[in-house]
């Protein structure tokens, strides 16, 4: 089945572009948030930029096991983060775990990537939430390392809790959504939310994704959910009944 650009498919009532400009506007547990089409979440009231699952140095981790991948994933991922920081000018950046792909990944970061991280940290606070790939503080990242962060009625953590939790923002599951219309298919990373909790897309270039129809994701939501697909210049809001499973 042919793949196509998002804008060619989203021309029906239940396939709508987020209409509040390039960054979609949503409310989570009564809190206004902005969806950045690069895969980040901006919280205007706190001037906070939230990202998840960068998986820096995944390429070099695979290379060490004999799986050859281009070694530029960390730079490409950090470039997205740098661009979002320039766009939103946050006072704090929070990464929701699995910032690094393994415990030694920090030592493999190149000089360019280290300078990019240092530039991000200038004039702002950096918070690194513990993930299953990086449970411990990493000297190369600097900033603050926390198991989770609760602020302003929201809870930011790596892995979604087993029970519904209003105001939870998590990563870990790398949600993607697939839409099929008139013989055309689009599969994109996405934000998944029911208005009470939200699962972030993975930012990492090699992170991969889990379909939102998978039980591990769909089972998280007490109410019908929406997927906000990353579509290049904007995000696209997709009703849960439109999201198709992977074949």
C-alpha atoms as a PDB file:
ATOM      1  CA  UNK A   1       0.000   0.000   0.000  1.00  0.00           C
ATOM      2  CA  UNK A   2       1.370   3.359  -0.961  1.00  0.00           C
ATOM      3  CA  UNK A   3       2.420   5.807   1.732  1.00  0.00           C
ATOM      4  CA  UNK A   4       1.508   9.444   1.350  1.00  0.00           C
ATOM      5  CA  UNK A   5       1.917  12.781   3.068  1.00  0.00           C
ATOM      6  CA  UNK A   6      -0.433  13.551   5.947  1.00  0.00           C
ATOM      7  CA  UNK A   7      -2.107  16.518   4.272  1.00  0.00           C
ATOM      8  CA  UNK A   8      -3.249  14.344   1.364  1.00  0.00           C
ATOM      9  CA  UNK A   9      -5.187  12.031   3.672  1.00  0.00           C
ATOM     10  CA  UNK A  10      -6.660  14.340   6.315  1.00  0.00           C
ATOM     11  CA  UNK A  11      -9.639  15.739   4.432  1.00  0.00           C
ATOM     12  CA  UNK A  12     -12.482  14.069   6.343  1.00  0.00           C
ATOM     13  CA  UNK A  13     -14.279  15.239   9.526  1.00  0.00           C
ATOM     14  CA  UNK A  14     -12.544  12.727  11.809  1.00  0.00           C
ATOM     15  CA  UNK A  15      -9.088  13.447  10.326  1.00  0.00           C
ATOM     16  CA  UNK A  16      -8.477  17.048  11.291  1.00  0.00           C
ATOM     17  CA  UNK A  17      -5.405  19.232  11.393  1.00  0.00           C
ATOM     18  CA  UNK A  18      -4.956  20.880  14.777  1.00  0.00           C
ATOM     19  CA  UNK A  19      -6.182  24.356  13.948  1.00  0.00           C
ATOM     20  CA  UNK A  20      -4.454  26.538  16.528  1.00  0.00           C
ATOM     21  CA  UNK A  21      -1.430  27.223  14.345  1.00  0.00           C
ATOM     22  CA  UNK A  22       1.684  25.114  13.798  1.00  0.00           C
ATOM     23  CA  UNK A  23       1.573  23.989  17.449  1.00  0.00           C
ATOM     24  CA  UNK A  24      -1.658  22.230  18.409  1.00  0.00           C
ATOM     25  CA  UNK A  25      -3.397  23.340  21.593  1.00  0.00           C
ATOM     26  CA  UNK A  26      -4.758  20.720  24.006  1.00  0.00           C
ATOM     27  CA  UNK A  27      -5.996  20.632  27.587  1.00  0.00           C
ATOM     28  CA  UNK A  28      -4.733  17.934  29.943  1.00  0.00           C
ATOM     29  CA  UNK A  29      -6.556  17.690  33.269  1.00  0.00           C
ATOM     30  CA  UNK A  30      -7.481  21.351  32.819  1.00  0.00           C
ATOM     31  CA  UNK A  31      -3.941  22.491  31.940  1.00  0.00           C
ATOM     32  CA  UNK A  32      -3.255  24.171  28.594  1.00  0.00           C
ATOM     33  CA  UNK A  33      -0.398  22.585  26.633  1.00  0.00           C
ATOM     34  CA  UNK A  34       1.059  23.017  23.146  1.00  0.00           C
ATOM     35  CA  UNK A  35       2.014  20.140  20.859  1.00  0.00           C
ATOM     36  CA  UNK A  36       5.146  20.895  18.888  1.00  0.00           C
ATOM     37  CA  UNK A  37       5.174  19.145  15.482  1.00  0.00           C
ATOM     38  CA  UNK A  38       8.779  18.089  16.103  1.00  0.00           C
ATOM     39  CA  UNK A  39       7.574  15.863  18.956  1.00  0.00           C
ATOM     40  CA  UNK A  40       7.821  18.037  22.065  1.00  0.00           C
ATOM     41  CA  UNK A  41       5.251  19.398  24.487  1.00  0.00           C
ATOM     42  CA  UNK A  42       5.339  23.001  25.709  1.00  0.00           C
ATOM     43  CA  UNK A  43       3.646  24.093  28.938  1.00  0.00           C
ATOM     44  CA  UNK A  44       3.208  27.860  28.628  1.00  0.00           C
ATOM     45  CA  UNK A  45       2.316  28.561  32.274  1.00  0.00           C
ATOM     46  CA  UNK A  46       5.546  26.926  33.471  1.00  0.00           C
ATOM     47  CA  UNK A  47       7.634  27.812  30.412  1.00  0.00           C
ATOM     48  CA  UNK A  48       8.530  24.134  30.322  1.00  0.00           C
ATOM     49  CA  UNK A  49       9.509  22.057  27.280  1.00  0.00           C
ATOM     50  CA  UNK A  50       8.911  18.320  27.687  1.00  0.00           C
ATOM     51  CA  UNK A  51      10.370  15.578  25.493  1.00  0.00           C
ATOM     52  CA  UNK A  52      10.681  11.816  25.825  1.00  0.00           C
ATOM     53  CA  UNK A  53      12.794   8.868  24.767  1.00  0.00           C
ATOM     54  CA  UNK A  54      15.724  10.481  22.973  1.00  0.00           C
ATOM     55  CA  UNK A  55      17.685   7.197  23.090  1.00  0.00           C
ATOM     56  CA  UNK A  56      20.954   9.021  22.425  1.00  0.00           C
ATOM     57  CA  UNK A  57      23.761   6.795  21.125  1.00  0.00           C
ATOM     58  CA  UNK A  58      21.456   3.971  20.119  1.00  0.00           C
ATOM     59  CA  UNK A  59      23.387   3.799  16.856  1.00  0.00           C
ATOM     60  CA  UNK A  60      26.730   3.284  18.612  1.00  0.00           C
ATOM     61  CA  UNK A  61      25.131   0.744  20.950  1.00  0.00           C
ATOM     62  CA  UNK A  62      23.982  -1.303  17.970  1.00  0.00           C
ATOM     63  CA  UNK A  63      27.364  -0.894  16.270  1.00  0.00           C
ATOM     64  CA  UNK A  64      29.066  -2.434  19.304  1.00  0.00           C
ATOM     65  CA  UNK A  65      26.911  -5.528  18.723  1.00  0.00           C
ATOM     66  CA  UNK A  66      27.804  -5.704  15.038  1.00  0.00           C
ATOM     67  CA  UNK A  67      24.666  -3.999  13.710  1.00  0.00           C
ATOM     68  CA  UNK A  68      25.802  -1.191  11.422  1.00  0.00           C
ATOM     69  CA  UNK A  69      23.719   1.990  11.551  1.00  0.00           C
ATOM     70  CA  UNK A  70      24.697   5.516  10.480  1.00  0.00           C
ATOM     71  CA  UNK A  71      26.267   7.126  13.574  1.00  0.00           C
ATOM     72  CA  UNK A  72      24.359  10.406  13.389  1.00  0.00           C
ATOM     73  CA  UNK A  73      21.227   9.622  15.398  1.00  0.00           C
ATOM     74  CA  UNK A  74      22.285  11.555  18.506  1.00  0.00           C
ATOM     75  CA  UNK A  75      23.086  14.684  16.518  1.00  0.00           C
ATOM     76  CA  UNK A  76      19.813  14.527  14.569  1.00  0.00           C
ATOM     77  CA  UNK A  77      17.804  14.018  17.754  1.00  0.00           C
ATOM     78  CA  UNK A  78      19.533  16.826  19.624  1.00  0.00           C
ATOM     79  CA  UNK A  79      19.026  19.132  16.659  1.00  0.00           C
ATOM     80  CA  UNK A  80      15.267  18.673  17.025  1.00  0.00           C
ATOM     81  CA  UNK A  81      15.539  19.547  20.704  1.00  0.00           C
ATOM     82  CA  UNK A  82      17.733  22.578  20.008  1.00  0.00           C
ATOM     83  CA  UNK A  83      15.234  23.839  17.424  1.00  0.00           C
ATOM     84  CA  UNK A  84      12.310  23.413  19.809  1.00  0.00           C
ATOM     85  CA  UNK A  85      14.184  25.235  22.568  1.00  0.00           C
ATOM     86  CA  UNK A  86      14.863  28.124  20.183  1.00  0.00           C
ATOM     87  CA  UNK A  87      11.194  28.189  19.186  1.00  0.00           C
ATOM     88  CA  UNK A  88       9.726  28.164  22.706  1.00  0.00           C
ATOM     89  CA  UNK A  89      12.533  29.649  24.832  1.00  0.00           C
ATOM     90  CA  UNK A  90      11.705  27.508  27.867  1.00  0.00           C
ATOM     91  CA  UNK A  91      13.097  28.181  31.322  1.00  0.00           C
ATOM     92  CA  UNK A  92      13.180  24.438  31.987  1.00  0.00           C
ATOM     93  CA  UNK A  93      13.580  21.373  29.761  1.00  0.00           C
ATOM     94  CA  UNK A  94      12.367  17.997  31.036  1.00  0.00           C
ATOM     95  CA  UNK A  95      13.297  14.714  29.356  1.00  0.00           C
ATOM     96  CA  UNK A  96      11.018  11.862  30.438  1.00  0.00           C
ATOM     97  CA  UNK A  97      13.581   9.090  30.653  1.00  0.00           C
ATOM     98  CA  UNK A  98      15.524   6.945  28.211  1.00  0.00           C
ATOM     99  CA  UNK A  99      17.453  10.040  27.246  1.00  0.00           C
ATOM    100  CA  UNK A 100      20.389   7.675  26.748  1.00  0.00           C
ATOM    101  CA  UNK A 101      20.053   4.256  25.171  1.00  0.00           C
ATOM    102  CA  UNK A 102      22.272   2.518  27.724  1.00  0.00           C
ATOM    103  CA  UNK A 103      24.234   3.230  30.904  1.00  0.00           C
ATOM    104  CA  UNK A 104      27.495   3.901  29.019  1.00  0.00           C
ATOM    105  CA  UNK A 105      26.013   6.023  26.250  1.00  0.00           C
ATOM    106  CA  UNK A 106      27.075   9.288  27.891  1.00  0.00           C
ATOM    107  CA  UNK A 107      30.728   8.357  27.496  1.00  0.00           C
ATOM    108  CA  UNK A 108      30.216   7.791  23.752  1.00  0.00           C
ATOM    109  CA  UNK A 109      28.736  11.215  23.003  1.00  0.00           C
ATOM    110  CA  UNK A 110      30.938  13.106  20.556  1.00  0.00           C
ATOM    111  CA  UNK A 111      32.243  16.658  21.048  1.00  0.00           C
ATOM    112  CA  UNK A 112      29.545  18.165  18.823  1.00  0.00           C
ATOM    113  CA  UNK A 113      26.772  16.449  20.755  1.00  0.00           C
ATOM    114  CA  UNK A 114      28.300  17.476  24.098  1.00  0.00           C
ATOM    115  CA  UNK A 115      28.412  21.087  22.970  1.00  0.00           C
ATOM    116  CA  UNK A 116      24.794  20.889  21.838  1.00  0.00           C
ATOM    117  CA  UNK A 117      23.810  19.680  25.305  1.00  0.00           C
ATOM    118  CA  UNK A 118      25.882  22.405  26.945  1.00  0.00           C
ATOM    119  CA  UNK A 119      24.218  25.015  24.755  1.00  0.00           C
ATOM    120  CA  UNK A 120      20.774  23.739  25.722  1.00  0.00           C
ATOM    121  CA  UNK A 121      21.645  24.064  29.408  1.00  0.00           C
ATOM    122  CA  UNK A 122      22.824  27.666  29.216  1.00  0.00           C
ATOM    123  CA  UNK A 123      20.364  29.925  31.010  1.00  0.00           C
ATOM    124  CA  UNK A 124      17.843  27.192  31.814  1.00  0.00           C
ATOM    125  CA  UNK A 125      17.281  24.206  34.069  1.00  0.00           C
ATOM    126  CA  UNK A 126      17.622  20.702  32.661  1.00  0.00           C
ATOM    127  CA  UNK A 127      15.727  17.841  34.333  1.00  0.00           C
ATOM    128  CA  UNK A 128      16.411  14.237  33.380  1.00  0.00           C
ATOM    129  CA  UNK A 129      13.755  11.764  34.540  1.00  0.00           C
ATOM    130  CA  UNK A 130      14.993   8.230  35.208  1.00  0.00           C
ATOM    131  CA  UNK A 131      14.127   5.688  32.522  1.00  0.00           C
ATOM    132  CA  UNK A 132      14.575   1.946  32.232  1.00  0.00           C
ATOM    133  CA  UNK A 133      17.568   2.482  29.913  1.00  0.00           C
ATOM    134  CA  UNK A 134      19.132   5.215  32.079  1.00  0.00           C
ATOM    135  CA  UNK A 135      18.022   4.755  35.702  1.00  0.00           C
ATOM    136  CA  UNK A 136      21.026   6.581  37.195  1.00  0.00           C
ATOM    137  CA  UNK A 137      22.370  10.120  36.955  1.00  0.00           C
ATOM    138  CA  UNK A 138      24.803  10.656  34.063  1.00  0.00           C
ATOM    139  CA  UNK A 139      27.663  13.162  34.602  1.00  0.00           C
ATOM    140  CA  UNK A 140      27.829  13.995  30.900  1.00  0.00           C
ATOM    141  CA  UNK A 141      24.264  15.345  30.962  1.00  0.00           C
ATOM    142  CA  UNK A 142      24.581  17.618  33.984  1.00  0.00           C
ATOM    143  CA  UNK A 143      21.344  19.115  35.272  1.00  0.00           C
ATOM    144  CA  UNK A 144      19.066  17.370  37.770  1.00  0.00           C
ATOM    145  CA  UNK A 145      18.185  13.665  37.739  1.00  0.00           C
ATOM    146  CA  UNK A 146      14.818  12.705  39.281  1.00  0.00           C
ATOM    147  CA  UNK A 147      12.629   9.588  39.482  1.00  0.00           C
ATOM    148  CA  UNK A 148       9.643  11.738  38.468  1.00  0.00           C
ATOM    149  CA  UNK A 149       8.467  15.337  38.720  1.00  0.00           C
ATOM    150  CA  UNK A 150       5.167  16.641  40.102  1.00  0.00           C
ATOM    151  CA  UNK A 151       4.370  20.286  39.378  1.00  0.00           C
ATOM    152  CA  UNK A 152       1.223  22.373  38.915  1.00  0.00           C
ATOM    153  CA  UNK A 153      -1.171  19.431  39.142  1.00  0.00           C
ATOM    154  CA  UNK A 154       0.691  17.328  36.557  1.00  0.00           C
ATOM    155  CA  UNK A 155       2.997  14.352  37.121  1.00  0.00           C
ATOM    156  CA  UNK A 156       5.858  13.756  34.695  1.00  0.00           C
ATOM    157  CA  UNK A 157       7.356  10.265  34.657  1.00  0.00           C
ATOM    158  CA  UNK A 158       8.938   7.792  32.290  1.00  0.00           C
ATOM    159  CA  UNK A 159       6.543   4.861  32.339  1.00  0.00           C
ATOM    160  CA  UNK A 160       2.763   5.278  32.535  1.00  0.00           C
ATOM    161  CA  UNK A 161       1.265   4.032  35.775  1.00  0.00           C
ATOM    162  CA  UNK A 162      -0.779   0.836  35.815  1.00  0.00           C
ATOM    163  CA  UNK A 163      -3.910   2.723  36.896  1.00  0.00           C
ATOM    164  CA  UNK A 164      -5.512   5.776  35.291  1.00  0.00           C
ATOM    165  CA  UNK A 165      -3.878   8.914  36.673  1.00  0.00           C
ATOM    166  CA  UNK A 166      -5.287  12.360  35.928  1.00  0.00           C
ATOM    167  CA  UNK A 167      -2.573  14.788  34.895  1.00  0.00           C
ATOM    168  CA  UNK A 168       0.037  12.146  34.044  1.00  0.00           C
ATOM    169  CA  UNK A 169       2.515  12.798  31.219  1.00  0.00           C
ATOM    170  CA  UNK A 170       4.715   9.816  30.363  1.00  0.00           C
ATOM    171  CA  UNK A 171       6.853   8.326  27.624  1.00  0.00           C
ATOM    172  CA  UNK A 172       8.320   4.809  27.343  1.00  0.00           C
ATOM    173  CA  UNK A 173       5.812   3.355  24.865  1.00  0.00           C
ATOM    174  CA  UNK A 174       6.785   5.341  21.727  1.00  0.00           C
ATOM    175  CA  UNK A 175       3.227   5.703  20.360  1.00  0.00           C
ATOM    176  CA  UNK A 176       2.568   5.739  16.627  1.00  0.00           C
ATOM    177  CA  UNK A 177      -0.751   5.838  14.791  1.00  0.00           C
ATOM    178  CA  UNK A 178      -1.675   4.393  11.421  1.00  0.00           C
ATOM    179  CA  UNK A 179      -4.472   5.805   9.265  1.00  0.00           C
ATOM    180  CA  UNK A 180      -5.790   4.191   6.084  1.00  0.00           C
ATOM    181  CA  UNK A 181      -8.019   6.084   3.657  1.00  0.00           C
ATOM    182  CA  UNK A 182      -8.931   5.247   0.047  1.00  0.00           C
ATOM    183  CA  UNK A 183      -6.006   2.888  -0.447  1.00  0.00           C
ATOM    184  CA  UNK A 184      -3.492   5.216   1.161  1.00  0.00           C
ATOM    185  CA  UNK A 185      -1.726   4.663   4.454  1.00  0.00           C
ATOM    186  CA  UNK A 186       0.075   6.981   6.859  1.00  0.00           C
ATOM    187  CA  UNK A 187       1.976   5.789   9.926  1.00  0.00           C
ATOM    188  CA  UNK A 188       3.418   8.509  12.142  1.00  0.00           C
ATOM    189  CA  UNK A 189       4.682   9.094  15.641  1.00  0.00           C
ATOM    190  CA  UNK A 190       2.011  10.672  17.769  1.00  0.00           C
ATOM    191  CA  UNK A 191       0.870  12.039  21.086  1.00  0.00           C
ATOM    192  CA  UNK A 192      -1.882   9.867  22.605  1.00  0.00           C
ATOM    193  CA  UNK A 193      -4.296  11.365  25.134  1.00  0.00           C
ATOM    194  CA  UNK A 194      -7.795  11.046  26.561  1.00  0.00           C
ATOM    195  CA  UNK A 195      -7.662  14.477  28.179  1.00  0.00           C
ATOM    196  CA  UNK A 196      -6.673  13.029  31.555  1.00  0.00           C
ATOM    197  CA  UNK A 197      -3.307  11.446  30.769  1.00  0.00           C
ATOM    198  CA  UNK A 198      -0.906  11.767  27.844  1.00  0.00           C
ATOM    199  CA  UNK A 199       1.763   9.531  26.336  1.00  0.00           C
ATOM    200  CA  UNK A 200       4.548  11.329  24.472  1.00  0.00           C
ATOM    201  CA  UNK A 201       6.048  10.277  21.143  1.00  0.00           C
ATOM    202  CA  UNK A 202       9.668   9.180  21.161  1.00  0.00           C
ATOM    203  CA  UNK A 203      12.024  11.891  19.936  1.00  0.00           C
ATOM    204  CA  UNK A 204      14.955   9.595  19.158  1.00  0.00           C
ATOM    205  CA  UNK A 205      15.875   9.128  15.507  1.00  0.00           C
ATOM    206  CA  UNK A 206      16.153   5.354  15.947  1.00  0.00           C
ATOM    207  CA  UNK A 207      13.513   4.959  18.657  1.00  0.00           C
ATOM    208  CA  UNK A 208      10.835   3.149  16.637  1.00  0.00           C
ATOM    209  CA  UNK A 209       7.211   3.008  17.750  1.00  0.00           C
ATOM    210  CA  UNK A 210       4.286   1.000  19.136  1.00  0.00           C
ATOM    211  CA  UNK A 211       0.882   1.240  17.471  1.00  0.00           C
ATOM    212  CA  UNK A 212      -1.749   2.990  19.602  1.00  0.00           C
ATOM    213  CA  UNK A 213      -4.120   0.074  18.958  1.00  0.00           C
ATOM    214  CA  UNK A 214      -1.770  -2.189  20.898  1.00  0.00           C
ATOM    215  CA  UNK A 215      -3.244  -3.192  24.259  1.00  0.00           C
ATOM    216  CA  UNK A 216      -0.242  -1.753  26.113  1.00  0.00           C
ATOM    217  CA  UNK A 217      -1.256   1.696  24.866  1.00  0.00           C
ATOM    218  CA  UNK A 218      -4.992   1.596  24.218  1.00  0.00           C
ATOM    219  CA  UNK A 219      -5.584  -0.023  27.612  1.00  0.00           C
ATOM    220  CA  UNK A 220      -4.157   3.000  29.413  1.00  0.00           C
ATOM    221  CA  UNK A 221      -7.100   5.251  28.668  1.00  0.00           C
ATOM    222  CA  UNK A 222     -10.360   5.247  30.604  1.00  0.00           C
ATOM    223  CA  UNK A 223     -12.124   7.289  27.911  1.00  0.00           C
ATOM    224  CA  UNK A 224     -11.912   7.356  24.106  1.00  0.00           C
ATOM    225  CA  UNK A 225      -8.536   8.766  23.188  1.00  0.00           C
ATOM    226  CA  UNK A 226      -7.137  10.922  20.419  1.00  0.00           C
ATOM    227  CA  UNK A 227      -3.877  10.512  18.553  1.00  0.00           C
ATOM    228  CA  UNK A 228      -2.159  13.729  17.470  1.00  0.00           C
ATOM    229  CA  UNK A 229       0.051  12.676  14.574  1.00  0.00           C
ATOM    230  CA  UNK A 230       3.262  14.492  13.807  1.00  0.00           C
ATOM    231  CA  UNK A 231       2.775  15.636  10.236  1.00  0.00           C
ATOM    232  CA  UNK A 232       5.745  17.792   9.339  1.00  0.00           C
ATOM    233  CA  UNK A 233       4.704  21.416   9.850  1.00  0.00           C
ATOM    234  CA  UNK A 234       1.801  20.681  12.218  1.00  0.00           C
ATOM    235  CA  UNK A 235       0.052  17.968  14.177  1.00  0.00           C
ATOM    236  CA  UNK A 236      -3.139  16.192  13.117  1.00  0.00           C
ATOM    237  CA  UNK A 237      -5.879  15.107  15.523  1.00  0.00           C
ATOM    238  CA  UNK A 238      -7.175  11.585  14.862  1.00  0.00           C
ATOM    239  CA  UNK A 239     -10.085   9.932  16.678  1.00  0.00           C
ATOM    240  CA  UNK A 240      -9.266   6.556  18.217  1.00  0.00           C
ATOM    241  CA  UNK A 241     -11.768   4.647  16.057  1.00  0.00           C
ATOM    242  CA  UNK A 242      -9.932   5.856  12.936  1.00  0.00           C
ATOM    243  CA  UNK A 243      -6.541   4.540  14.080  1.00  0.00           C
ATOM    244  CA  UNK A 244      -5.771   1.271  12.307  1.00  0.00           C
ATOM    245  CA  UNK A 245      -3.663  -1.607  13.640  1.00  0.00           C
ATOM    246  CA  UNK A 246      -0.447  -2.555  11.909  1.00  0.00           C
ATOM    247  CA  UNK A 247      -0.884  -5.400   9.470  1.00  0.00           C
END
